[in-house]
Every structure is written in structure tokens, then in C-alpha cells.
PDB file of N, CA and C in Angstrom:
ATOM      1  N   MET A   1      53.748 256.961 110.444  1.00  0.00           N
ATOM      2  CA  MET A   1      54.859 257.764 109.946  1.00  0.00           C
ATOM      3  C   MET A   1      56.177 257.297 110.548  1.00  0.00           C
ATOM      4  N   ALA A   2      56.233 257.133 111.877  1.00  0.00           N
ATOM      5  CA  ALA A   2      57.472 256.710 112.532  1.00  0.00           C
ATOM      6  C   ALA A   2      57.845 255.291 112.119  1.00  0.00           C
ATOM      7  N   SER A   3      56.847 254.445 111.922  1.00  0.00           N
ATOM      8  CA  SER A   3      57.103 253.073 111.497  1.00  0.00           C
ATOM      9  C   SER A   3      57.730 253.037 110.105  1.00  0.00           C
ATOM     10  N   THR A   4      57.273 253.885 109.234  1.00  0.00           N
ATOM     11  CA  THR A   4      57.823 253.948 107.881  1.00  0.00           C
ATOM     12  C   THR A   4      59.268 254.418 107.902  1.00  0.00           C
ATOM     13  N   VAL A   5      59.555 255.411 108.733  1.00  0.00           N
ATOM     14  CA  VAL A   5      60.928 255.923 108.840  1.00  0.00           C
ATOM     15  C   VAL A   5      61.843 254.825 109.380  1.00  0.00           C
ATOM     16  N   LEU A   6      61.384 254.078 110.391  1.00  0.00           N
ATOM     17  CA  LEU A   6      62.194 252.995 110.943  1.00  0.00           C
ATOM     18  C   LEU A   6      62.429 251.892 109.916  1.00  0.00           C
ATOM     19  N   GLN A   7      61.423 251.595 109.098  1.00  0.00           N
ATOM     20  CA  GLN A   7      61.592 250.574 108.066  1.00  0.00           C
ATOM     21  C   GLN A   7      62.583 251.021 107.002  1.00  0.00           C
ATOM     22  N   ILE A   8      62.529 252.281 106.623  1.00  0.00           N
ATOM     23  CA  ILE A   8      63.473 252.808 105.636  1.00  0.00           C
ATOM     24  C   ILE A   8      64.885 252.814 106.201  1.00  0.00           C
ATOM     25  N   LEU A   9      65.035 253.260 107.443  1.00  0.00           N
ATOM     26  CA  LEU A   9      66.341 253.276 108.094  1.00  0.00           C
ATOM     27  C   LEU A   9      66.888 251.853 108.240  1.00  0.00           C
ATOM     28  N   SER A  10      66.039 250.937 108.626  1.00  0.00           N
ATOM     29  CA  SER A  10      66.441 249.541 108.770  1.00  0.00           C
ATOM     30  C   SER A  10      66.868 248.953 107.423  1.00  0.00           C
ATOM     31  N   GLY A  11      66.130 249.251 106.388  1.00  0.00           N
ATOM     32  CA  GLY A  11      66.507 248.786 105.051  1.00  0.00           C
ATOM     33  C   GLY A  11      67.844 249.347 104.609  1.00  0.00           C
ATOM     34  N   GLY A  12      68.062 250.626 104.883  1.00  0.00           N
ATOM     35  CA  GLY A  12      69.348 251.239 104.542  1.00  0.00           C
ATOM     36  C   GLY A  12      70.507 250.609 105.299  1.00  0.00           C
ATOM     37  N   LEU A  13      70.286 250.310 106.581  1.00  0.00           N
ATOM     38  CA  LEU A  13      71.328 249.655 107.367  1.00  0.00           C
ATOM     39  C   LEU A  13      71.615 248.245 106.854  1.00  0.00           C
ATOM     40  N   CYS A  14      70.585 247.528 106.441  1.00  0.00           N
ATOM     41  CA  CYS A  14      70.778 246.192 105.871  1.00  0.00           C
ATOM     42  C   CYS A  14      71.564 246.250 104.564  1.00  0.00           C
ATOM     43  N   VAL A  15      71.256 247.226 103.732  1.00  0.00           N
ATOM     44  CA  VAL A  15      71.990 247.385 102.468  1.00  0.00           C
ATOM     45  C   VAL A  15      73.446 247.744 102.752  1.00  0.00           C
ATOM     46  N   ALA A  16      73.687 248.639 103.712  1.00  0.00           N
ATOM     47  CA  ALA A  16      75.057 249.006 104.076  1.00  0.00           C
ATOM     48  C   ALA A  16      75.803 247.798 104.636  1.00  0.00           C
ATOM     49  N   GLY A  17      75.133 246.995 105.469  1.00  0.00           N
ATOM     50  CA  GLY A  17      75.756 245.793 106.005  1.00  0.00           C
ATOM     51  C   GLY A  17      76.105 244.798 104.914  1.00  0.00           C
ATOM     52  N   ALA A  18      75.205 244.634 103.956  1.00  0.00           N
ATOM     53  CA  ALA A  18      75.465 243.730 102.829  1.00  0.00           C
ATOM     54  C   ALA A  18      76.649 244.233 102.001  1.00  0.00           C
ATOM     55  N   PHE A  19      76.766 245.560 101.858  1.00  0.00           N
ATOM     56  CA  PHE A  19      77.911 246.130 101.136  1.00  0.00           C
ATOM     57  C   PHE A  19      79.221 245.774 101.827  1.00  0.00           C
ATOM     58  N   PHE A  20      79.251 245.870 103.162  1.00  0.00           N
ATOM     59  CA  PHE A  20      80.481 245.535 103.875  1.00  0.00           C
ATOM     60  C   PHE A  20      80.789 244.046 103.799  1.00  0.00           C
ATOM     61  N   PHE A  21      79.764 243.197 103.804  1.00  0.00           N
ATOM     62  CA  PHE A  21      80.002 241.770 103.587  1.00  0.00           C
ATOM     63  C   PHE A  21      80.594 241.530 102.205  1.00  0.00           C
ATOM     64  N   LEU A  22      80.074 242.220 101.204  1.00  0.00           N
ATOM     65  CA  LEU A  22      80.598 242.090  99.847  1.00  0.00           C
ATOM     66  C   LEU A  22      82.034 242.589  99.776  1.00  0.00           C
ATOM     67  N   ALA A  23      82.321 243.710 100.430  1.00  0.00           N
ATOM     68  CA  ALA A  23      83.692 244.249 100.430  1.00  0.00           C
ATOM     69  C   ALA A  23      84.657 243.280 101.108  1.00  0.00           C
ATOM     70  N   GLY A  24      84.236 242.653 102.188  1.00  0.00           N
ATOM     71  CA  GLY A  24      85.086 241.662 102.850  1.00  0.00           C
ATOM     72  C   GLY A  24      85.358 240.466 101.968  1.00  0.00           C
ATOM     73  N   THR A  25      84.357 240.036 101.229  1.00  0.00           N
ATOM     74  CA  THR A  25      84.532 238.909 100.322  1.00  0.00           C
ATOM     75  C   THR A  25      85.482 239.263  99.186  1.00  0.00           C
ATOM     76  N   VAL A  26      85.350 240.465  98.661  1.00  0.00           N
ATOM     77  CA  VAL A  26      86.268 240.910  97.606  1.00  0.00           C
ATOM     78  C   VAL A  26      87.695 240.973  98.147  1.00  0.00           C
ATOM     79  N   GLY A  27      87.865 241.479  99.370  1.00  0.00           N
ATOM     80  CA  GLY A  27      89.184 241.512  99.984  1.00  0.00           C
ATOM     81  C   GLY A  27      89.754 240.119 100.180  1.00  0.00           C
ATOM     82  N   LEU A  28      88.905 239.184 100.560  1.00  0.00           N
ATOM     83  CA  LEU A  28      89.346 237.798 100.741  1.00  0.00           C
ATOM     84  C   LEU A  28      89.848 237.211  99.423  1.00  0.00           C
ATOM     85  N   LEU A  29      89.183 237.554  98.340  1.00  0.00           N
ATOM     86  CA  LEU A  29      89.561 236.997  97.035  1.00  0.00           C
ATOM     87  C   LEU A  29      90.718 237.730  96.383  1.00  0.00           C
ATOM     88  N   ARG A  30      90.895 239.023  96.685  1.00  0.00           N
ATOM     89  CA  ARG A  30      91.851 239.833  95.938  1.00  0.00           C
ATOM     90  C   ARG A  30      93.201 240.062  96.618  1.00  0.00           C
ATOM     91  N   PHE A  31      93.254 240.049  97.943  1.00  0.00           N
ATOM     92  CA  PHE A  31      94.512 240.380  98.607  1.00  0.00           C
ATOM     93  C   PHE A  31      95.523 239.250  98.459  1.00  0.00           C
ATOM     94  N   PRO A  32      96.818 239.598  98.443  1.00  0.00           N
ATOM     95  CA  PRO A  32      97.844 238.623  98.083  1.00  0.00           C
ATOM     96  C   PRO A  32      98.206 237.603  99.166  1.00  0.00           C
ATOM     97  N   ASP A  33      98.219 237.994 100.432  1.00  0.00           N
ATOM     98  CA  ASP A  33      98.673 237.058 101.455  1.00  0.00           C
ATOM     99  C   ASP A  33      97.594 236.826 102.512  1.00  0.00           C
ATOM    100  N   SER A  34      97.816 235.809 103.318  1.00  0.00           N
ATOM    101  CA  SER A  34      96.808 235.382 104.289  1.00  0.00           C
ATOM    102  C   SER A  34      96.499 236.436 105.336  1.00  0.00           C
ATOM    103  N   LEU A  35      97.519 237.139 105.814  1.00  0.00           N
ATOM    104  CA  LEU A  35      97.282 238.150 106.851  1.00  0.00           C
ATOM    105  C   LEU A  35      96.427 239.303 106.326  1.00  0.00           C
ATOM    106  N   SER A  36      96.671 239.732 105.114  1.00  0.00           N
ATOM    107  CA  SER A  36      95.850 240.791 104.510  1.00  0.00           C
ATOM    108  C   SER A  36      94.418 240.322 104.310  1.00  0.00           C
ATOM    109  N   ARG A  37      94.266 239.089 103.904  1.00  0.00           N
ATOM    110  CA  ARG A  37      92.924 238.533 103.692  1.00  0.00           C
ATOM    111  C   ARG A  37      92.141 238.464 104.987  1.00  0.00           C
ATOM    112  N   ILE A  38      92.797 237.996 106.047  1.00  0.00           N
ATOM    113  CA  ILE A  38      92.128 237.903 107.347  1.00  0.00           C
ATOM    114  C   ILE A  38      91.732 239.285 107.840  1.00  0.00           C
ATOM    115  N   HIS A  39      92.632 240.248 107.677  1.00  0.00           N
ATOM    116  CA  HIS A  39      92.352 241.611 108.129  1.00  0.00           C
ATOM    117  C   HIS A  39      91.132 242.183 107.412  1.00  0.00           C
ATOM    118  N   ALA A  40      91.120 242.058 106.096  1.00  0.00           N
ATOM    119  CA  ALA A  40      89.993 242.595 105.326  1.00  0.00           C
ATOM    120  C   ALA A  40      88.688 241.903 105.691  1.00  0.00           C
ATOM    121  N   LEU A  41      88.750 240.604 105.824  1.00  0.00           N
ATOM    122  CA  LEU A  41      87.537 239.836 106.095  1.00  0.00           C
ATOM    123  C   LEU A  41      86.963 240.154 107.469  1.00  0.00           C
ATOM    124  N   THR A  42      87.810 240.188 108.493  1.00  0.00           N
ATOM    125  CA  THR A  42      87.276 240.413 109.845  1.00  0.00           C
ATOM    126  C   THR A  42      86.746 241.828 110.014  1.00  0.00           C
ATOM    127  N   LYS A  43      87.450 242.806 109.515  1.00  0.00           N
ATOM    128  CA  LYS A  43      86.990 244.191 109.697  1.00  0.00           C
ATOM    129  C   LYS A  43      85.667 244.429 108.983  1.00  0.00           C
ATOM    130  N   ALA A  44      85.598 244.010 107.742  1.00  0.00           N
ATOM    131  CA  ALA A  44      84.377 244.248 106.964  1.00  0.00           C
ATOM    132  C   ALA A  44      83.205 243.420 107.480  1.00  0.00           C
ATOM    133  N   ASP A  45      83.452 242.174 107.816  1.00  0.00           N
ATOM    134  CA  ASP A  45      82.355 241.323 108.282  1.00  0.00           C
ATOM    135  C   ASP A  45      81.840 241.752 109.654  1.00  0.00           C
ATOM    136  N   ASN A  46      82.737 242.185 110.539  1.00  0.00           N
ATOM    137  CA  ASN A  46      82.278 242.659 111.848  1.00  0.00           C
ATOM    138  C   ASN A  46      81.411 243.909 111.711  1.00  0.00           C
ATOM    139  N   LEU A  47      81.823 244.818 110.850  1.00  0.00           N
ATOM    140  CA  LEU A  47      81.022 246.025 110.634  1.00  0.00           C
ATOM    141  C   LEU A  47      79.710 245.688 109.933  1.00  0.00           C
ATOM    142  N   GLY A  48      79.754 244.798 108.952  1.00  0.00           N
ATOM    143  CA  GLY A  48      78.535 244.398 108.257  1.00  0.00           C
ATOM    144  C   GLY A  48      77.542 243.737 109.194  1.00  0.00           C
ATOM    145  N   LEU A  49      78.032 242.847 110.041  1.00  0.00           N
ATOM    146  CA  LEU A  49      77.152 242.185 111.005  1.00  0.00           C
ATOM    147  C   LEU A  49      76.593 243.192 112.007  1.00  0.00           C
ATOM    148  N   GLY A  50      77.410 244.155 112.413  1.00  0.00           N
ATOM    149  CA  GLY A  50      76.936 245.181 113.338  1.00  0.00           C
ATOM    150  C   GLY A  50      75.825 246.032 112.744  1.00  0.00           C
ATOM    151  N   LEU A  51      75.962 246.395 111.481  1.00  0.00           N
ATOM    152  CA  LEU A  51      74.921 247.194 110.827  1.00  0.00           C
ATOM    153  C   LEU A  51      73.626 246.406 110.668  1.00  0.00           C
ATOM    154  N   ILE A  52      73.744 245.142 110.306  1.00  0.00           N
ATOM    155  CA  ILE A  52      72.545 244.324 110.164  1.00  0.00           C
ATOM    156  C   ILE A  52      71.900 244.075 111.528  1.00  0.00           C
ATOM    157  N   ALA A  53      72.719 243.872 112.560  1.00  0.00           N
ATOM    158  CA  ALA A  53      72.173 243.704 113.911  1.00  0.00           C
ATOM    159  C   ALA A  53      71.456 244.974 114.363  1.00  0.00           C
ATOM    160  N   LEU A  54      72.022 246.129 114.052  1.00  0.00           N
ATOM    161  CA  LEU A  54      71.368 247.397 114.399  1.00  0.00           C
ATOM    162  C   LEU A  54      70.029 247.536 113.673  1.00  0.00           C
ATOM    163  N   ALA A  55      69.996 247.128 112.421  1.00  0.00           N
ATOM    164  CA  ALA A  55      68.731 247.170 111.672  1.00  0.00           C
ATOM    165  C   ALA A  55      67.689 246.261 112.312  1.00  0.00           C
ATOM    166  N   LEU A  56      68.110 245.092 112.763  1.00  0.00           N
ATOM    167  CA  LEU A  56      67.178 244.178 113.419  1.00  0.00           C
ATOM    168  C   LEU A  56      66.712 244.705 114.770  1.00  0.00           C
ATOM    169  N   VAL A  57      67.608 245.380 115.482  1.00  0.00           N
ATOM    170  CA  VAL A  57      67.233 245.967 116.773  1.00  0.00           C
ATOM    171  C   VAL A  57      66.180 247.050 116.571  1.00  0.00           C
ATOM    172  N   LEU A  58      66.338 247.850 115.515  1.00  0.00           N
ATOM    173  CA  LEU A  58      65.373 248.925 115.251  1.00  0.00           C
ATOM    174  C   LEU A  58      63.984 248.393 114.924  1.00  0.00           C
ATOM    175  N   THR A  59      63.937 247.221 114.311  1.00  0.00           N
ATOM    176  CA  THR A  59      62.630 246.662 113.944  1.00  0.00           C
ATOM    177  C   THR A  59      62.153 245.602 114.921  1.00  0.00           C
ATOM    178  N   GLY A  60      62.889 245.406 116.009  1.00  0.00           N
ATOM    179  CA  GLY A  60      62.523 244.389 116.983  1.00  0.00           C
ATOM    180  C   GLY A  60      61.218 244.712 117.692  1.00  0.00           C
ATOM    181  N   ASP A  61      60.545 243.654 118.132  1.00  0.00           N
ATOM    182  CA  ASP A  61      59.255 243.813 118.794  1.00  0.00           C
ATOM    183  C   ASP A  61      59.388 244.091 120.283  1.00  0.00           C
ATOM    184  N   SER A  62      60.442 243.574 120.904  1.00  0.00           N
ATOM    185  CA  SER A  62      60.558 243.732 122.350  1.00  0.00           C
ATOM    186  C   SER A  62      62.001 244.026 122.738  1.00  0.00           C
ATOM    187  N   LEU A  63      62.161 244.450 123.974  1.00  0.00           N
ATOM    188  CA  LEU A  63      63.490 244.748 124.494  1.00  0.00           C
ATOM    189  C   LEU A  63      64.320 243.472 124.617  1.00  0.00           C
ATOM    190  N   SER A  64      63.693 242.390 125.051  1.00  0.00           N
ATOM    191  CA  SER A  64      64.444 241.138 125.204  1.00  0.00           C
ATOM    192  C   SER A  64      64.951 240.628 123.854  1.00  0.00           C
ATOM    193  N   GLU A  65      64.169 240.787 122.813  1.00  0.00           N
ATOM    194  CA  GLU A  65      64.590 240.388 121.472  1.00  0.00           C
ATOM    195  C   GLU A  65      65.790 241.225 121.017  1.00  0.00           C
ATOM    196  N   SER A  66      65.723 242.520 121.267  1.00  0.00           N
ATOM    197  CA  SER A  66      66.825 243.409 120.889  1.00  0.00           C
ATOM    198  C   SER A  66      68.093 243.080 121.662  1.00  0.00           C
ATOM    199  N   LEU A  67      67.971 242.778 122.950  1.00  0.00           N
ATOM    200  CA  LEU A  67      69.135 242.427 123.757  1.00  0.00           C
ATOM    201  C   LEU A  67      69.763 241.111 123.292  1.00  0.00           C
ATOM    202  N   LYS A  68      68.937 240.175 122.869  1.00  0.00           N
ATOM    203  CA  LYS A  68      69.458 238.907 122.341  1.00  0.00           C
ATOM    204  C   LYS A  68      70.245 239.138 121.053  1.00  0.00           C
ATOM    205  N   ILE A  69      69.750 240.002 120.200  1.00  0.00           N
ATOM    206  CA  ILE A  69      70.445 240.310 118.943  1.00  0.00           C
ATOM    207  C   ILE A  69      71.792 240.965 119.239  1.00  0.00           C
ATOM    208  N   ILE A  70      71.813 241.887 120.185  1.00  0.00           N
ATOM    209  CA  ILE A  70      73.068 242.544 120.554  1.00  0.00           C
ATOM    210  C   ILE A  70      74.040 241.542 121.165  1.00  0.00           C
ATOM    211  N   LEU A  71      73.544 240.635 121.989  1.00  0.00           N
ATOM    212  CA  LEU A  71      74.396 239.604 122.585  1.00  0.00           C
ATOM    213  C   LEU A  71      74.985 238.689 121.513  1.00  0.00           C
ATOM    214  N   ILE A  72      74.175 238.316 120.541  1.00  0.00           N
ATOM    215  CA  ILE A  72      74.674 237.481 119.441  1.00  0.00           C
ATOM    216  C   ILE A  72      75.766 238.212 118.677  1.00  0.00           C
ATOM    217  N   TRP A  73      75.566 239.498 118.423  1.00  0.00           N
ATOM    218  CA  TRP A  73      76.577 240.282 117.710  1.00  0.00           C
ATOM    219  C   TRP A  73      77.873 240.347 118.510  1.00  0.00           C
ATOM    220  N   LEU A  74      77.780 240.585 119.816  1.00  0.00           N
ATOM    221  CA  LEU A  74      78.979 240.661 120.651  1.00  0.00           C
ATOM    222  C   LEU A  74      79.709 239.318 120.707  1.00  0.00           C
ATOM    223  N   LEU A  75      78.966 238.225 120.787  1.00  0.00           N
ATOM    224  CA  LEU A  75      79.598 236.907 120.783  1.00  0.00           C
ATOM    225  C   LEU A  75      80.276 236.621 119.438  1.00  0.00           C
ATOM    226  N   ALA A  76      79.653 237.031 118.351  1.00  0.00           N
ATOM    227  CA  ALA A  76      80.266 236.856 117.030  1.00  0.00           C
ATOM    228  C   ALA A  76      81.533 237.698 116.905  1.00  0.00           C
ATOM    229  N   LEU A  77      81.533 238.908 117.462  1.00  0.00           N
ATOM    230  CA  LEU A  77      82.735 239.747 117.458  1.00  0.00           C
ATOM    231  C   LEU A  77      83.863 239.069 118.223  1.00  0.00           C
ATOM    232  N   ALA A  78      83.552 238.565 119.407  1.00  0.00           N
ATOM    233  CA  ALA A  78      84.575 237.919 120.230  1.00  0.00           C
ATOM    234  C   ALA A  78      85.116 236.662 119.543  1.00  0.00           C
ATOM    235  N   ALA A  79      84.243 235.866 118.982  1.00  0.00           N
ATOM    236  CA  ALA A  79      84.677 234.636 118.315  1.00  0.00           C
ATOM    237  C   ALA A  79      85.518 234.942 117.080  1.00  0.00           C
ATOM    238  N   SER A  80      85.081 235.888 116.285  1.00  0.00           N
ATOM    239  CA  SER A  80      85.806 236.253 115.073  1.00  0.00           C
ATOM    240  C   SER A  80      87.188 236.800 115.398  1.00  0.00           C
ATOM    241  N   SER A  81      87.257 237.674 116.372  1.00  0.00           N
ATOM    242  CA  SER A  81      88.547 238.251 116.753  1.00  0.00           C
ATOM    243  C   SER A  81      89.495 237.192 117.293  1.00  0.00           C
ATOM    244  N   SER A  82      88.981 236.305 118.121  1.00  0.00           N
ATOM    245  CA  SER A  82      89.823 235.261 118.711  1.00  0.00           C
ATOM    246  C   SER A  82      90.349 234.298 117.648  1.00  0.00           C
ATOM    247  N   ILE A  83      89.476 233.844 116.791  1.00  0.00           N
ATOM    248  CA  ILE A  83      89.885 232.891 115.756  1.00  0.00           C
ATOM    249  C   ILE A  83      90.883 233.525 114.793  1.00  0.00           C
ATOM    250  N   CYS A  84      90.632 234.750 114.390  1.00  0.00           N
ATOM    251  CA  CYS A  84      91.553 235.411 113.456  1.00  0.00           C
ATOM    252  C   CYS A  84      92.902 235.696 114.109  1.00  0.00           C
ATOM    253  N   PHE A  85      92.905 236.006 115.399  1.00  0.00           N
ATOM    254  CA  PHE A  85      94.170 236.183 116.112  1.00  0.00           C
ATOM    255  C   PHE A  85      94.957 234.882 116.113  1.00  0.00           C
ATOM    256  N   LEU A  86      94.302 233.771 116.398  1.00  0.00           N
ATOM    257  CA  LEU A  86      94.991 232.486 116.429  1.00  0.00           C
ATOM    258  C   LEU A  86      95.499 232.075 115.051  1.00  0.00           C
ATOM    259  N   ILE A  87      94.712 232.337 114.018  1.00  0.00           N
ATOM    260  CA  ILE A  87      95.160 232.027 112.655  1.00  0.00           C
ATOM    261  C   ILE A  87      96.362 232.890 112.283  1.00  0.00           C
ATOM    262  N   GLY A  88      96.292 234.178 112.580  1.00  0.00           N
ATOM    263  CA  GLY A  88      97.408 235.075 112.291  1.00  0.00           C
ATOM    264  C   GLY A  88      98.663 234.692 113.055  1.00  0.00           C
ATOM    265  N   GLN A  89      98.508 234.305 114.314  1.00  0.00           N
ATOM    266  CA  GLN A  89      99.640 233.878 115.125  1.00  0.00           C
ATOM    267  C   GLN A  89     100.275 232.615 114.532  1.00  0.00           C
ATOM    268  N   SER A  90      99.461 231.702 114.064  1.00  0.00           N
ATOM    269  CA  SER A  90      99.970 230.479 113.438  1.00  0.00           C
ATOM    270  C   SER A  90     100.732 230.799 112.152  1.00  0.00           C
ATOM    271  N   ILE A  91     100.214 231.706 111.367  1.00  0.00           N
ATOM    272  CA  ILE A  91     100.883 232.096 110.121  1.00  0.00           C
ATOM    273  C   ILE A  91     102.225 232.742 110.423  1.00  0.00           C
ATOM    274  N   MET A  92     102.263 233.629 111.412  1.00  0.00           N
ATOM    275  CA  MET A  92     103.519 234.292 111.769  1.00  0.00           C
ATOM    276  C   MET A  92     104.540 233.285 112.312  1.00  0.00           C
ATOM    277  N   ARG A  93     104.100 232.313 113.086  1.00  0.00           N
ATOM    278  CA  ARG A  93     105.003 231.294 113.617  1.00  0.00           C
ATOM    279  C   ARG A  93     105.600 230.477 112.481  1.00  0.00           C
ATOM    280  N   LYS A  94     104.769 230.131 111.502  1.00  0.00           N
ATOM    281  CA  LYS A  94     105.277 229.367 110.356  1.00  0.00           C
ATOM    282  C   LYS A  94     106.259 230.187 109.541  1.00  0.00           C
ATOM    283  N   LYS A  95     106.019 231.497 109.414  1.00  0.00           N
ATOM    284  CA  LYS A  95     106.953 232.345 108.677  1.00  0.00           C
ATOM    285  C   LYS A  95     108.290 232.442 109.396  1.00  0.00           C
ATOM    286  N   ARG A  96     108.264 232.532 110.732  1.00  0.00           N
ATOM    287  CA  ARG A  96     109.521 232.608 111.491  1.00  0.00           C
ATOM    288  C   ARG A  96     110.318 231.316 111.364  1.00  0.00           C
ATOM    289  N   GLU A  97     109.621 230.209 111.293  1.00  0.00           N
ATOM    290  CA  GLU A  97     110.300 228.922 111.168  1.00  0.00           C
ATOM    291  C   GLU A  97     110.722 228.618 109.737  1.00  0.00           C
ATOM    292  N   GLY A  98     110.286 229.441 108.798  1.00  0.00           N
ATOM    293  CA  GLY A  98     110.655 229.252 107.399  1.00  0.00           C
ATOM    294  C   GLY A  98     109.838 228.209 106.670  1.00  0.00           C
ATOM    295  N   ARG A  99     108.640 227.941 107.153  1.00  0.00           N
ATOM    296  CA  ARG A  99     107.796 226.926 106.520  1.00  0.00           C
ATOM    297  C   ARG A  99     106.683 227.548 105.695  1.00  0.00           C
ATOM    298  N   THR A 100     106.911 228.663 105.085  1.00  0.00           N
ATOM    299  CA  THR A 100     105.853 229.353 104.364  1.00  0.00           C
ATOM    300  C   THR A 100     105.433 228.639 103.136  1.00  0.00           C
TER     301      THR A 100
END
């Protein structure tokens, strides 16, 4: 019984994560400027990855496996935030210099 509930919950989290990935992709394609696109993509993808990581943690076999999944998610968050900050900073610098 508990295993079935965890599988259903995990499936729901995976579907929700996939929805946020889809929403981020739509934002990337639909928003007018680069800063809006980056914002939509990072927010939606970070949440989508977090939901999918949570689903994997719920179905994980061991504590070490779950901790590795959480570590991967945290590293992806840090990398995504850093890269998007640098891209946004570059875009703003180019706008100030008039090279848009």
C-alpha cells in the first residue's frame, strides 16, 4: 500500500516537473528579450528539476542514492544561477555601451 502511494506521488511529481520544463521552454520561445527569456528559463527549469529530483528521492533505494540526487540538484542550481547571472551581466553591459 505505501509503495503504491509513493509511486503515485513520484509520478505526479515527475509530471509536475515536466510541466515546468515545458513552461520554461515556452517562455524561452515566446518572450521578447534575452533577459526575460533567461528569467523564465532558469526559474521554471530549476523548479522542474527540483520536482523530478524529489520524485527520484522518494523512490530511491538507499540514503546515499538520495543524497547524491540532492547534491546533483544543488550543483545544477548553483551552475544555472551563476551562468545566467553572467549572461545577464554581459547583456546589461552591452546595452550600456549601446551595442545592442
